[in-house]
Every structure is written in structure tokens, then in C-alpha cells.
Protein backbone atom coordinates (compact mmCIF):
# COMPACT_ATOMS: atom_id res chain seq x y z
CA ALA A 1 3.04 -15.00 5.61
CA GLY A 2 3.00 -11.79 7.57
CA PRO A 3 0.14 -9.60 8.72
CA GLU A 4 0.59 -7.06 5.92
CA GLY A 5 -0.90 -9.57 3.51
CA ARG A 6 -4.12 -9.48 5.54
CA PHE A 7 -4.63 -5.84 6.56
CA CYS A 8 -3.94 -4.00 3.28
CA PRO A 9 -7.31 -3.28 1.60
CA ALA A 10 -5.67 -2.86 -1.82
CA ALA A 11 -3.62 -6.11 -1.85
CA VAL A 12 -0.31 -4.24 -2.10
CA TYR A 13 1.48 -6.93 -0.06
CA GLU A 14 1.29 -10.44 -1.46
CA PHE A 15 3.09 -13.57 -0.33
CA VAL A 16 4.02 -16.05 -3.07
CA LYS A 17 5.67 -19.44 -2.72
CA ASN A 18 9.27 -19.88 -3.83
CA ASP A 19 10.41 -23.09 -5.50
CA ASP A 20 11.67 -24.34 -2.12
CA GLY A 21 8.24 -23.79 -0.52
CA SER A 22 9.19 -20.69 1.48
CA ASP A 23 7.14 -17.50 1.28
CA ARG A 24 8.41 -14.41 -0.52
CA LEU A 25 6.90 -10.96 -0.08
CA VAL A 26 5.93 -9.20 -3.33
CA ILE A 27 5.01 -5.52 -3.17
CA ASN A 28 2.44 -4.41 -5.77
CA ALA A 29 2.98 -0.66 -5.35
CA GLN A 30 0.66 0.18 -8.24
CA ASN A 31 -2.29 -1.07 -6.15
CA CYS A 32 -1.67 1.40 -3.29
CA VAL A 33 -4.56 3.75 -2.50
CA HIS A 34 -2.51 5.75 0.06
CA CYS A 35 -4.76 4.89 3.00
CA LYS A 36 -1.77 4.47 5.39
CA THR A 37 -3.21 1.26 6.86
CA CYS A 38 0.20 -0.38 6.46
CA ASP A 39 1.87 2.36 8.50
CA ILE A 40 -0.78 2.24 11.24
CA LYS A 41 -1.37 -1.54 11.52
CA ASP A 42 2.15 -2.97 11.11
CA PRO A 43 2.89 -4.44 14.57
CA THR A 44 6.66 -4.34 14.07
CA GLN A 45 6.69 -0.87 12.45
CA ASN A 46 8.83 -2.19 9.57
CA ILE A 47 6.77 -0.28 7.01
CA VAL A 48 7.44 3.44 6.74
CA TRP A 49 4.79 5.17 4.63
CA VAL A 50 5.96 8.36 2.92
CA THR A 51 3.57 10.80 1.29
CA PRO A 52 4.01 10.67 -2.50
CA GLU A 53 5.20 13.69 -4.46
CA GLY A 54 2.23 16.00 -4.83
CA GLY A 55 0.70 14.93 -1.52
CA GLY A 56 -1.36 11.94 -2.65
CA PRO A 57 -5.14 11.77 -2.87
CA ASN A 58 -7.46 14.18 -1.08
CA TYR A 59 -10.34 12.06 0.21
CA SER A 60 -13.16 14.51 0.89
CA ARG A 61 -15.16 12.39 3.37
CA MET A 62 -12.37 11.22 5.66
């Protein structure tokens, strides 16, 4: 399992076991809260976060 399964606060990245016992990454995009933690914390920079159409949420206290 990779680090993205630990640092995402919305559980977008989930590792599930395949039949052979290996881990498979499942992306639950519907859980995303557009916080950009994945883009900031990914040590290998494999995740590229793109602003959704319409700009995404406007958090007033951030």
C-alpha cells in the first residue's frame, strides 16, 4: 500500500487485495473534497490534481 491511502482525509485512495494477495489501488473519486492534499503530500509527485470545471469549492475560512 502506498502513502496516498494514509494522507487523503476523504478516503479517495483505497488499497484492496487481489485474488493473488497483491494490492490494487482503487480511486473513489466521488469522495474527493478538493483539498489538494494528494497533490501536496505525494512524495513521488505521481498525482496531478486539476481544478474541476467550475473551479471547485470555495472554502471561506481557508
